[in-house]
Amino acid sequence: MLKLYEYSSSGNCYKIRLLLTQLNIPFERLEIDIIKRESRTPEFLIKNPNGRIPVLEIEPDNFLFESNAIMFYLSETTEFFPTDKFERAQVMQWLFFEQYSHEPFIATSRFSYMTGKAEEYREALQQKQAPGYTALGVMEQHLENHAFFVGDRYTIADIGLFAYTHVAGEGGFDLTRFPAIQSWIERVKNQPRYISIAHK
């Protein structure tokens, strides 16, 4: 059975948990408390030398890390990843966008609030507002004319962007300014076998 080493509140881990559930693939969850630096122990660094979660153990001593790479591995021959060459590239385009233009501002802001350090990092959080809202604006513009991000159907591009977008309010971002994103969030939540980020 697949083993998912994760921190439950993490959006990056939630991506994998949601996809595995929607693919109806059984897996074992192993909680790694990143607040207690459990991802930095010698034992964990064998699994991922970068000391981050999630990590998917595909078989004994065969580990894959980086959330979007894990999603690609799991989805490649499924309905969640297109067969058309251009659409496949578009999925990767949005996943790169998520990691470089979205996650560094929206996800990290949420983490500061979750760990009770919002006041300590107030100046940094303020600096993340503008680029975070820019990323949301790019998504809003696309979703004004599309039901989903690629091919007007649900793919791992949607899962990748949904994970931190739907909880952006927990990081100080106002989603009421983005009606197309709000409608898309509801479409994602209505997908078969959807689970919430707090699912146990």
N, C-alpha and C. Protein backbone atom coordinates (compact mmCIF):
# COMPACT_ATOMS: atom_id res chain seq x y z
N MET A 1 0.84 -1.20 0.00
CA MET A 1 0.00 0.00 0.00
C MET A 1 0.87 1.25 0.00
N LEU A 2 0.42 2.27 -0.71
CA LEU A 2 1.12 3.55 -0.72
C LEU A 2 1.12 4.16 0.68
N LYS A 3 2.21 4.81 1.04
CA LYS A 3 2.30 5.51 2.31
C LYS A 3 2.52 6.99 2.04
N LEU A 4 1.68 7.83 2.64
CA LEU A 4 1.79 9.27 2.48
C LEU A 4 2.28 9.88 3.79
N TYR A 5 3.50 10.41 3.74
CA TYR A 5 4.05 11.14 4.87
C TYR A 5 3.62 12.59 4.73
N GLU A 6 2.86 13.09 5.70
CA GLU A 6 2.22 14.38 5.51
C GLU A 6 2.03 15.12 6.82
N TYR A 7 1.73 16.41 6.68
CA TYR A 7 1.27 17.25 7.78
C TYR A 7 -0.15 17.66 7.39
N SER A 8 -1.13 17.22 8.16
CA SER A 8 -2.52 17.27 7.71
C SER A 8 -3.00 18.65 7.26
N SER A 9 -2.53 19.70 7.92
CA SER A 9 -3.00 21.05 7.60
C SER A 9 -2.37 21.62 6.34
N SER A 10 -1.34 20.97 5.83
CA SER A 10 -0.63 21.47 4.66
C SER A 10 -1.45 21.30 3.39
N GLY A 11 -1.56 22.37 2.62
CA GLY A 11 -2.23 22.29 1.34
C GLY A 11 -1.51 21.39 0.36
N ASN A 12 -0.18 21.39 0.41
CA ASN A 12 0.59 20.53 -0.49
C ASN A 12 0.31 19.06 -0.22
N CYS A 13 0.13 18.71 1.05
CA CYS A 13 -0.22 17.33 1.40
C CYS A 13 -1.67 17.03 1.03
N TYR A 14 -2.52 18.01 1.22
CA TYR A 14 -3.94 17.85 0.88
C TYR A 14 -4.13 17.54 -0.60
N LYS A 15 -3.32 18.14 -1.46
CA LYS A 15 -3.38 17.82 -2.90
C LYS A 15 -3.32 16.31 -3.12
N ILE A 16 -2.36 15.68 -2.46
CA ILE A 16 -2.13 14.25 -2.68
C ILE A 16 -3.26 13.43 -2.07
N ARG A 17 -3.68 13.82 -0.88
CA ARG A 17 -4.76 13.11 -0.20
C ARG A 17 -6.06 13.18 -1.01
N LEU A 18 -6.34 14.36 -1.56
CA LEU A 18 -7.55 14.53 -2.36
C LEU A 18 -7.48 13.71 -3.64
N LEU A 19 -6.35 13.77 -4.34
CA LEU A 19 -6.21 13.03 -5.59
C LEU A 19 -6.29 11.52 -5.35
N LEU A 20 -5.58 11.02 -4.35
CA LEU A 20 -5.64 9.59 -4.07
C LEU A 20 -7.07 9.14 -3.76
N THR A 21 -7.79 9.96 -3.00
CA THR A 21 -9.17 9.64 -2.66
C THR A 21 -10.04 9.63 -3.90
N GLN A 22 -9.87 10.63 -4.76
CA GLN A 22 -10.69 10.71 -5.98
C GLN A 22 -10.32 9.63 -6.99
N LEU A 23 -9.10 9.14 -6.92
CA LEU A 23 -8.70 8.01 -7.76
C LEU A 23 -9.10 6.67 -7.14
N ASN A 24 -9.60 6.74 -5.91
CA ASN A 24 -10.03 5.54 -5.18
C ASN A 24 -8.86 4.58 -4.95
N ILE A 25 -7.70 5.16 -4.65
CA ILE A 25 -6.50 4.38 -4.37
C ILE A 25 -6.28 4.34 -2.85
N PRO A 26 -6.24 3.17 -2.25
CA PRO A 26 -6.01 3.11 -0.81
C PRO A 26 -4.59 3.56 -0.45
N PHE A 27 -4.46 4.19 0.69
CA PHE A 27 -3.14 4.65 1.13
C PHE A 27 -3.14 4.78 2.64
N GLU A 28 -1.94 4.72 3.20
CA GLU A 28 -1.74 4.89 4.63
C GLU A 28 -1.19 6.28 4.89
N ARG A 29 -1.76 6.96 5.88
CA ARG A 29 -1.30 8.30 6.24
C ARG A 29 -0.38 8.24 7.44
N LEU A 30 0.77 8.91 7.34
CA LEU A 30 1.69 9.00 8.47
C LEU A 30 1.98 10.48 8.73
N GLU A 31 1.56 10.93 9.90
CA GLU A 31 1.66 12.35 10.24
C GLU A 31 3.10 12.73 10.61
N ILE A 32 3.61 13.77 9.97
CA ILE A 32 4.92 14.32 10.26
C ILE A 32 4.71 15.76 10.73
N ASP A 33 5.01 16.01 11.99
CA ASP A 33 4.76 17.34 12.57
C ASP A 33 5.92 18.28 12.21
N ILE A 34 5.67 19.14 11.23
CA ILE A 34 6.73 20.04 10.78
C ILE A 34 7.01 21.13 11.80
N ILE A 35 6.03 21.43 12.66
CA ILE A 35 6.26 22.43 13.72
C ILE A 35 7.32 21.90 14.70
N LYS A 36 7.29 20.60 14.92
CA LYS A 36 8.28 19.97 15.81
C LYS A 36 9.53 19.53 15.04
N ARG A 37 9.62 19.96 13.78
CA ARG A 37 10.78 19.68 12.92
C ARG A 37 11.00 18.18 12.69
N GLU A 38 9.89 17.43 12.67
CA GLU A 38 10.01 15.99 12.43
C GLU A 38 10.43 15.67 11.00
N SER A 39 10.31 16.63 10.10
CA SER A 39 10.75 16.41 8.72
C SER A 39 12.25 16.67 8.55
N ARG A 40 12.90 17.05 9.66
CA ARG A 40 14.34 17.35 9.61
C ARG A 40 15.17 16.31 10.35
N THR A 41 14.54 15.24 10.78
CA THR A 41 15.28 14.20 11.48
C THR A 41 16.09 13.37 10.48
N PRO A 42 17.16 12.74 10.93
CA PRO A 42 17.95 11.90 10.03
C PRO A 42 17.10 10.81 9.36
N GLU A 43 16.13 10.26 10.10
CA GLU A 43 15.28 9.21 9.55
C GLU A 43 14.43 9.73 8.40
N PHE A 44 13.90 10.94 8.56
CA PHE A 44 13.05 11.48 7.49
C PHE A 44 13.89 11.97 6.31
N LEU A 45 15.06 12.49 6.58
CA LEU A 45 15.91 13.01 5.50
C LEU A 45 16.37 11.91 4.55
N ILE A 46 16.28 10.67 4.98
CA ILE A 46 16.54 9.55 4.07
C ILE A 46 15.43 9.49 3.01
N LYS A 47 14.20 9.83 3.42
CA LYS A 47 13.06 9.81 2.51
C LYS A 47 13.06 11.02 1.58
N ASN A 48 13.40 12.18 2.12
CA ASN A 48 13.49 13.41 1.32
C ASN A 48 14.64 14.25 1.87
N PRO A 49 15.76 14.29 1.17
CA PRO A 49 16.91 15.06 1.64
C PRO A 49 16.62 16.54 1.80
N ASN A 50 15.53 17.01 1.16
CA ASN A 50 15.15 18.41 1.27
C ASN A 50 14.35 18.69 2.54
N GLY A 51 13.99 17.65 3.26
CA GLY A 51 13.33 17.82 4.56
C GLY A 51 11.96 18.44 4.50
N ARG A 52 11.19 18.10 3.47
CA ARG A 52 9.84 18.68 3.32
C ARG A 52 8.81 17.58 3.10
N ILE A 53 7.58 17.93 3.40
CA ILE A 53 6.46 17.04 3.12
C ILE A 53 5.61 17.68 2.02
N PRO A 54 4.84 16.88 1.27
CA PRO A 54 4.59 15.45 1.40
C PRO A 54 5.70 14.60 0.77
N VAL A 55 5.72 13.36 1.22
CA VAL A 55 6.54 12.33 0.58
C VAL A 55 5.63 11.12 0.38
N LEU A 56 5.67 10.54 -0.81
CA LEU A 56 4.89 9.34 -1.09
C LEU A 56 5.85 8.16 -1.21
N GLU A 57 5.63 7.17 -0.36
CA GLU A 57 6.41 5.94 -0.45
C GLU A 57 5.65 4.98 -1.36
N ILE A 58 6.19 4.77 -2.54
CA ILE A 58 5.51 3.98 -3.56
C ILE A 58 5.66 2.49 -3.28
N GLU A 59 6.83 2.12 -2.84
CA GLU A 59 7.12 0.77 -2.37
C GLU A 59 8.26 0.93 -1.37
N PRO A 60 8.59 -0.10 -0.61
CA PRO A 60 9.63 0.07 0.41
C PRO A 60 10.91 0.70 -0.15
N ASP A 61 11.33 1.79 0.50
CA ASP A 61 12.56 2.51 0.15
C ASP A 61 12.52 3.15 -1.23
N ASN A 62 11.31 3.38 -1.76
CA ASN A 62 11.14 4.07 -3.05
C ASN A 62 10.24 5.27 -2.81
N PHE A 63 10.86 6.46 -2.70
CA PHE A 63 10.16 7.65 -2.27
C PHE A 63 10.08 8.69 -3.37
N LEU A 64 8.97 9.42 -3.38
CA LEU A 64 8.79 10.53 -4.33
C LEU A 64 8.36 11.75 -3.54
N PHE A 65 9.01 12.89 -3.78
CA PHE A 65 8.61 14.11 -3.09
C PHE A 65 8.35 15.21 -4.10
N GLU A 66 7.91 16.37 -3.61
CA GLU A 66 7.37 17.52 -4.36
C GLU A 66 5.93 17.20 -4.79
N SER A 67 5.00 17.94 -4.23
CA SER A 67 3.57 17.61 -4.37
C SER A 67 3.11 17.53 -5.83
N ASN A 68 3.55 18.44 -6.66
CA ASN A 68 3.07 18.42 -8.04
C ASN A 68 3.68 17.28 -8.85
N ALA A 69 4.90 16.88 -8.50
CA ALA A 69 5.50 15.70 -9.14
C ALA A 69 4.74 14.44 -8.73
N ILE A 70 4.35 14.38 -7.47
CA ILE A 70 3.57 13.23 -6.99
C ILE A 70 2.22 13.18 -7.72
N MET A 71 1.58 14.32 -7.88
CA MET A 71 0.29 14.34 -8.60
C MET A 71 0.47 13.89 -10.04
N PHE A 72 1.53 14.31 -10.68
CA PHE A 72 1.80 13.88 -12.05
C PHE A 72 1.96 12.36 -12.10
N TYR A 73 2.73 11.82 -11.19
CA TYR A 73 2.97 10.37 -11.14
C TYR A 73 1.65 9.61 -10.99
N LEU A 74 0.80 10.08 -10.09
CA LEU A 74 -0.45 9.37 -9.80
C LEU A 74 -1.49 9.51 -10.91
N SER A 75 -1.47 10.62 -11.61
CA SER A 75 -2.57 10.94 -12.53
C SER A 75 -2.28 10.65 -14.00
N GLU A 76 -1.05 10.33 -14.34
CA GLU A 76 -0.63 10.36 -15.74
C GLU A 76 -1.53 9.54 -16.67
N THR A 77 -2.01 8.41 -16.26
CA THR A 77 -2.84 7.59 -17.15
C THR A 77 -4.30 7.58 -16.69
N THR A 78 -4.74 8.68 -16.08
CA THR A 78 -6.11 8.76 -15.56
C THR A 78 -6.84 9.95 -16.18
N GLU A 79 -8.11 10.08 -15.84
CA GLU A 79 -8.93 11.19 -16.33
C GLU A 79 -8.46 12.54 -15.80
N PHE A 80 -7.60 12.53 -14.79
CA PHE A 80 -7.15 13.78 -14.17
C PHE A 80 -5.97 14.42 -14.91
N PHE A 81 -5.46 13.74 -15.93
CA PHE A 81 -4.36 14.29 -16.72
C PHE A 81 -4.68 14.06 -18.19
N PRO A 82 -4.71 15.13 -19.01
CA PRO A 82 -5.15 15.01 -20.40
C PRO A 82 -4.24 14.12 -21.25
N THR A 83 -4.80 13.66 -22.36
CA THR A 83 -4.00 12.91 -23.32
C THR A 83 -3.45 13.82 -24.41
N ASP A 84 -4.13 14.93 -24.66
CA ASP A 84 -3.69 15.89 -25.68
C ASP A 84 -2.38 16.56 -25.25
N LYS A 85 -1.42 16.63 -26.16
CA LYS A 85 -0.09 17.13 -25.82
C LYS A 85 -0.13 18.58 -25.33
N PHE A 86 -0.88 19.44 -26.00
CA PHE A 86 -0.94 20.84 -25.60
C PHE A 86 -1.63 20.99 -24.25
N GLU A 87 -2.70 20.25 -24.04
CA GLU A 87 -3.39 20.32 -22.75
C GLU A 87 -2.52 19.79 -21.62
N ARG A 88 -1.71 18.78 -21.89
CA ARG A 88 -0.79 18.28 -20.88
C ARG A 88 0.19 19.39 -20.47
N ALA A 89 0.68 20.10 -21.48
CA ALA A 89 1.60 21.21 -21.20
C ALA A 89 0.89 22.32 -20.42
N GLN A 90 -0.38 22.55 -20.72
CA GLN A 90 -1.13 23.56 -19.99
C GLN A 90 -1.30 23.18 -18.52
N VAL A 91 -1.52 21.90 -18.24
CA VAL A 91 -1.59 21.45 -16.86
C VAL A 91 -0.29 21.78 -16.14
N MET A 92 0.83 21.46 -16.78
CA MET A 92 2.12 21.74 -16.17
C MET A 92 2.33 23.25 -16.01
N GLN A 93 1.87 24.02 -16.98
CA GLN A 93 1.96 25.48 -16.91
C GLN A 93 1.30 26.00 -15.64
N TRP A 94 0.08 25.54 -15.36
CA TRP A 94 -0.63 26.01 -14.17
C TRP A 94 0.00 25.49 -12.88
N LEU A 95 0.58 24.29 -12.93
CA LEU A 95 1.24 23.78 -11.73
C LEU A 95 2.52 24.55 -11.44
N PHE A 96 3.25 24.95 -12.47
CA PHE A 96 4.42 25.80 -12.26
C PHE A 96 3.99 27.17 -11.74
N PHE A 97 2.90 27.70 -12.29
CA PHE A 97 2.35 28.97 -11.82
C PHE A 97 2.01 28.87 -10.32
N GLU A 98 1.40 27.75 -9.94
CA GLU A 98 1.02 27.57 -8.54
C GLU A 98 2.24 27.61 -7.63
N GLN A 99 3.31 26.97 -8.03
CA GLN A 99 4.50 26.88 -7.18
C GLN A 99 5.32 28.17 -7.15
N TYR A 100 5.32 28.92 -8.25
CA TYR A 100 6.19 30.09 -8.33
C TYR A 100 5.47 31.43 -8.09
N SER A 101 4.20 31.53 -8.48
CA SER A 101 3.49 32.81 -8.40
C SER A 101 2.37 32.82 -7.37
N HIS A 102 2.00 31.69 -6.84
CA HIS A 102 0.83 31.56 -5.97
C HIS A 102 1.24 31.09 -4.57
N GLU A 103 1.78 29.90 -4.47
CA GLU A 103 2.12 29.28 -3.19
C GLU A 103 3.06 30.11 -2.32
N PRO A 104 4.09 30.76 -2.89
CA PRO A 104 5.02 31.51 -2.04
C PRO A 104 4.38 32.67 -1.28
N PHE A 105 3.22 33.11 -1.73
CA PHE A 105 2.57 34.25 -1.10
C PHE A 105 1.31 33.83 -0.33
N ILE A 106 0.48 33.02 -0.93
CA ILE A 106 -0.79 32.66 -0.31
C ILE A 106 -0.61 31.56 0.73
N ALA A 107 0.15 30.53 0.39
CA ALA A 107 0.35 29.43 1.33
C ALA A 107 1.19 29.85 2.53
N THR A 108 2.25 30.58 2.27
CA THR A 108 3.14 30.97 3.37
C THR A 108 2.46 31.97 4.31
N SER A 109 1.58 32.80 3.77
CA SER A 109 0.81 33.71 4.64
C SER A 109 -0.09 32.91 5.57
N ARG A 110 -0.76 31.93 5.03
CA ARG A 110 -1.63 31.08 5.85
C ARG A 110 -0.84 30.39 6.94
N PHE A 111 0.35 29.91 6.63
CA PHE A 111 1.17 29.21 7.61
C PHE A 111 1.55 30.13 8.76
N SER A 112 1.83 31.39 8.46
CA SER A 112 2.17 32.35 9.52
C SER A 112 1.02 32.54 10.48
N TYR A 113 -0.21 32.60 9.94
CA TYR A 113 -1.38 32.74 10.81
C TYR A 113 -1.62 31.45 11.60
N MET A 114 -1.46 30.31 10.93
CA MET A 114 -1.71 29.02 11.59
C MET A 114 -0.77 28.80 12.76
N THR A 115 0.44 29.26 12.65
CA THR A 115 1.45 29.04 13.70
C THR A 115 1.48 30.18 14.71
N GLY A 116 0.53 31.12 14.60
CA GLY A 116 0.44 32.21 15.57
C GLY A 116 1.54 33.24 15.44
N LYS A 117 2.13 33.35 14.25
CA LYS A 117 3.25 34.27 14.07
C LYS A 117 2.91 35.44 13.14
N ALA A 118 1.61 35.69 12.96
CA ALA A 118 1.20 36.75 12.06
C ALA A 118 1.72 38.12 12.50
N GLU A 119 1.69 38.37 13.80
CA GLU A 119 2.16 39.66 14.30
C GLU A 119 3.68 39.78 14.13
N GLU A 120 4.37 38.70 14.41
CA GLU A 120 5.83 38.69 14.27
C GLU A 120 6.26 38.96 12.83
N TYR A 121 5.48 38.42 11.89
CA TYR A 121 5.83 38.56 10.47
C TYR A 121 4.92 39.55 9.75
N ARG A 122 4.39 40.50 10.48
CA ARG A 122 3.40 41.43 9.92
C ARG A 122 3.92 42.13 8.66
N GLU A 123 5.15 42.63 8.71
CA GLU A 123 5.70 43.35 7.55
C GLU A 123 5.84 42.42 6.34
N ALA A 124 6.32 41.21 6.57
CA ALA A 124 6.47 40.24 5.48
C ALA A 124 5.11 39.86 4.91
N LEU A 125 4.12 39.72 5.78
CA LEU A 125 2.77 39.38 5.33
C LEU A 125 2.20 40.50 4.46
N GLN A 126 2.44 41.73 4.84
CA GLN A 126 1.96 42.86 4.04
C GLN A 126 2.61 42.86 2.66
N GLN A 127 3.89 42.48 2.60
CA GLN A 127 4.60 42.45 1.32
C GLN A 127 4.09 41.33 0.42
N LYS A 128 3.49 40.31 1.01
CA LYS A 128 2.97 39.19 0.22
C LYS A 128 1.57 39.45 -0.32
N GLN A 129 0.91 40.49 0.19
CA GLN A 129 -0.46 40.77 -0.24
C GLN A 129 -0.53 41.07 -1.75
N ALA A 130 0.28 42.00 -2.22
CA ALA A 130 0.19 42.42 -3.63
C ALA A 130 0.46 41.26 -4.59
N PRO A 131 1.57 40.53 -4.45
CA PRO A 131 1.78 39.41 -5.39
C PRO A 131 0.76 38.29 -5.23
N GLY A 132 0.25 38.10 -4.01
CA GLY A 132 -0.79 37.11 -3.80
C GLY A 132 -2.06 37.49 -4.53
N TYR A 133 -2.46 38.74 -4.41
CA TYR A 133 -3.65 39.20 -5.12
C TYR A 133 -3.44 39.21 -6.64
N THR A 134 -2.21 39.45 -7.07
CA THR A 134 -1.92 39.37 -8.51
C THR A 134 -2.17 37.96 -9.02
N ALA A 135 -1.70 36.95 -8.28
CA ALA A 135 -1.92 35.56 -8.66
C ALA A 135 -3.40 35.23 -8.70
N LEU A 136 -4.14 35.67 -7.70
CA LEU A 136 -5.59 35.45 -7.69
C LEU A 136 -6.25 36.15 -8.86
N GLY A 137 -5.74 37.32 -9.24
CA GLY A 137 -6.29 38.04 -10.38
C GLY A 137 -6.07 37.29 -11.68
N VAL A 138 -4.93 36.65 -11.83
CA VAL A 138 -4.66 35.84 -13.02
C VAL A 138 -5.65 34.67 -13.09
N MET A 139 -5.88 34.04 -11.96
CA MET A 139 -6.84 32.94 -11.90
C MET A 139 -8.25 33.41 -12.21
N GLU A 140 -8.63 34.54 -11.61
CA GLU A 140 -9.98 35.09 -11.83
C GLU A 140 -10.22 35.37 -13.30
N GLN A 141 -9.25 35.98 -13.95
CA GLN A 141 -9.39 36.31 -15.38
C GLN A 141 -9.61 35.06 -16.21
N HIS A 142 -8.86 34.01 -15.91
CA HIS A 142 -9.01 32.76 -16.66
C HIS A 142 -10.37 32.11 -16.39
N LEU A 143 -10.78 32.10 -15.13
CA LEU A 143 -12.00 31.41 -14.75
C LEU A 143 -13.27 32.16 -15.14
N GLU A 144 -13.13 33.41 -15.51
CA GLU A 144 -14.30 34.15 -16.01
C GLU A 144 -14.84 33.53 -17.29
N ASN A 145 -13.96 32.82 -18.02
CA ASN A 145 -14.37 32.24 -19.30
C ASN A 145 -14.17 30.72 -19.37
N HIS A 146 -13.79 30.11 -18.25
CA HIS A 146 -13.55 28.67 -18.24
C HIS A 146 -14.08 28.07 -16.94
N ALA A 147 -14.66 26.89 -17.03
CA ALA A 147 -15.16 26.20 -15.85
C ALA A 147 -14.01 25.67 -15.00
N PHE A 148 -12.96 25.21 -15.68
CA PHE A 148 -11.79 24.69 -14.99
C PHE A 148 -10.54 25.25 -15.68
N PHE A 149 -9.36 24.82 -15.25
CA PHE A 149 -8.16 25.46 -15.76
C PHE A 149 -7.68 24.93 -17.11
N VAL A 150 -7.93 23.67 -17.39
CA VAL A 150 -7.46 23.10 -18.66
C VAL A 150 -8.57 22.27 -19.30
N GLY A 151 -8.87 22.59 -20.56
CA GLY A 151 -9.83 21.78 -21.31
C GLY A 151 -11.23 21.79 -20.75
N ASP A 152 -11.53 22.77 -19.89
CA ASP A 152 -12.84 22.88 -19.26
C ASP A 152 -13.28 21.59 -18.59
N ARG A 153 -12.31 20.88 -18.03
CA ARG A 153 -12.63 19.71 -17.20
C ARG A 153 -11.65 19.64 -16.04
N TYR A 154 -12.05 18.95 -15.01
CA TYR A 154 -11.30 18.87 -13.76
C TYR A 154 -10.03 18.04 -13.94
N THR A 155 -8.89 18.65 -13.63
CA THR A 155 -7.60 17.97 -13.74
C THR A 155 -6.76 18.27 -12.49
N ILE A 156 -5.54 17.73 -12.48
CA ILE A 156 -4.65 18.04 -11.35
C ILE A 156 -4.24 19.51 -11.32
N ALA A 157 -4.43 20.23 -12.43
CA ALA A 157 -4.20 21.68 -12.38
C ALA A 157 -5.17 22.33 -11.40
N ASP A 158 -6.41 21.87 -11.40
CA ASP A 158 -7.41 22.40 -10.47
C ASP A 158 -7.09 22.00 -9.04
N ILE A 159 -6.70 20.74 -8.85
CA ILE A 159 -6.35 20.29 -7.49
C ILE A 159 -5.18 21.10 -6.95
N GLY A 160 -4.18 21.30 -7.81
CA GLY A 160 -2.99 22.03 -7.38
C GLY A 160 -3.30 23.45 -6.93
N LEU A 161 -4.16 24.13 -7.68
CA LEU A 161 -4.49 25.51 -7.36
C LEU A 161 -5.56 25.62 -6.27
N PHE A 162 -6.43 24.62 -6.20
CA PHE A 162 -7.50 24.64 -5.22
C PHE A 162 -6.96 24.55 -3.79
N ALA A 163 -5.93 23.74 -3.60
CA ALA A 163 -5.47 23.39 -2.26
C ALA A 163 -5.27 24.61 -1.36
N TYR A 164 -4.56 25.60 -1.86
CA TYR A 164 -4.32 26.79 -1.04
C TYR A 164 -5.28 27.94 -1.36
N THR A 165 -5.88 27.95 -2.55
CA THR A 165 -6.79 29.04 -2.88
C THR A 165 -8.04 29.01 -2.00
N HIS A 166 -8.62 27.83 -1.81
CA HIS A 166 -9.91 27.78 -1.08
C HIS A 166 -9.76 28.12 0.39
N VAL A 167 -8.53 28.11 0.90
CA VAL A 167 -8.29 28.52 2.30
C VAL A 167 -7.46 29.80 2.35
N ALA A 168 -7.44 30.55 1.27
CA ALA A 168 -6.65 31.79 1.23
C ALA A 168 -7.10 32.78 2.29
N GLY A 169 -8.38 32.73 2.65
CA GLY A 169 -8.88 33.62 3.69
C GLY A 169 -8.17 33.41 5.02
N GLU A 170 -7.66 32.20 5.25
CA GLU A 170 -6.94 31.91 6.48
C GLU A 170 -5.57 32.58 6.50
N GLY A 171 -5.16 33.12 5.35
CA GLY A 171 -3.90 33.83 5.25
C GLY A 171 -4.08 35.32 5.02
N GLY A 172 -5.31 35.79 5.21
CA GLY A 172 -5.57 37.23 5.11
C GLY A 172 -5.98 37.73 3.74
N PHE A 173 -6.34 36.82 2.83
CA PHE A 173 -6.77 37.24 1.49
C PHE A 173 -8.29 37.19 1.39
N ASP A 174 -8.87 38.22 0.76
CA ASP A 174 -10.32 38.35 0.66
C ASP A 174 -10.80 37.78 -0.67
N LEU A 175 -11.40 36.60 -0.62
CA LEU A 175 -11.86 35.95 -1.85
C LEU A 175 -13.18 36.50 -2.36
N THR A 176 -13.86 37.33 -1.57
CA THR A 176 -15.12 37.89 -2.05
C THR A 176 -14.90 38.81 -3.24
N ARG A 177 -13.66 39.22 -3.45
CA ARG A 177 -13.33 40.06 -4.59
C ARG A 177 -13.22 39.27 -5.89
N PHE A 178 -13.36 37.94 -5.81
CA PHE A 178 -13.10 37.08 -6.96
C PHE A 178 -14.28 36.11 -7.18
N PRO A 179 -15.37 36.59 -7.76
CA PRO A 179 -16.55 35.73 -7.92
C PRO A 179 -16.32 34.51 -8.79
N ALA A 180 -15.49 34.62 -9.81
CA ALA A 180 -15.23 33.46 -10.68
C ALA A 180 -14.47 32.39 -9.91
N ILE A 181 -13.53 32.81 -9.08
CA ILE A 181 -12.81 31.84 -8.24
C ILE A 181 -13.77 31.18 -7.26
N GLN A 182 -14.65 31.96 -6.67
CA GLN A 182 -15.61 31.39 -5.72
C GLN A 182 -16.51 30.34 -6.38
N SER A 183 -16.95 30.62 -7.61
CA SER A 183 -17.78 29.65 -8.33
C SER A 183 -16.99 28.38 -8.65
N TRP A 184 -15.73 28.56 -9.04
CA TRP A 184 -14.85 27.42 -9.34
C TRP A 184 -14.62 26.57 -8.09
N ILE A 185 -14.43 27.21 -6.94
CA ILE A 185 -14.25 26.48 -5.69
C ILE A 185 -15.45 25.56 -5.44
N GLU A 186 -16.64 26.06 -5.68
CA GLU A 186 -17.84 25.23 -5.49
C GLU A 186 -17.88 24.08 -6.49
N ARG A 187 -17.43 24.32 -7.73
CA ARG A 187 -17.39 23.23 -8.72
C ARG A 187 -16.42 22.14 -8.29
N VAL A 188 -15.28 22.55 -7.74
CA VAL A 188 -14.31 21.55 -7.25
C VAL A 188 -14.92 20.76 -6.10
N LYS A 189 -15.57 21.44 -5.18
CA LYS A 189 -16.15 20.76 -4.03
C LYS A 189 -17.26 19.79 -4.43
N ASN A 190 -17.84 19.99 -5.60
CA ASN A 190 -18.91 19.12 -6.08
C ASN A 190 -18.40 17.94 -6.90
N GLN A 191 -17.08 17.80 -7.02
CA GLN A 191 -16.52 16.67 -7.74
C GLN A 191 -16.71 15.37 -6.96
N PRO A 192 -16.83 14.25 -7.68
CA PRO A 192 -16.99 12.96 -6.99
C PRO A 192 -15.84 12.67 -6.02
N ARG A 193 -16.20 12.10 -4.87
CA ARG A 193 -15.24 11.68 -3.83
C ARG A 193 -14.42 12.85 -3.30
N TYR A 194 -14.98 14.03 -3.31
CA TYR A 194 -14.30 15.19 -2.73
C TYR A 194 -14.16 15.00 -1.22
N ILE A 195 -13.02 15.40 -0.68
CA ILE A 195 -12.82 15.45 0.77
C ILE A 195 -12.31 16.83 1.15
N SER A 196 -12.60 17.24 2.37
CA SER A 196 -12.13 18.55 2.82
C SER A 196 -10.70 18.44 3.32
N ILE A 197 -10.05 19.56 3.46
CA ILE A 197 -8.66 19.59 3.91
C ILE A 197 -8.54 19.07 5.34
N ALA A 198 -9.61 19.16 6.12
CA ALA A 198 -9.58 18.71 7.52
C ALA A 198 -9.97 17.25 7.66
N HIS A 199 -10.19 16.59 6.53
CA HIS A 199 -10.67 15.19 6.54
C HIS A 199 -9.69 14.28 7.29
N LYS A 200 -10.24 13.42 8.12
CA LYS A 200 -9.42 12.46 8.88
C LYS A 200 -9.72 11.03 8.43
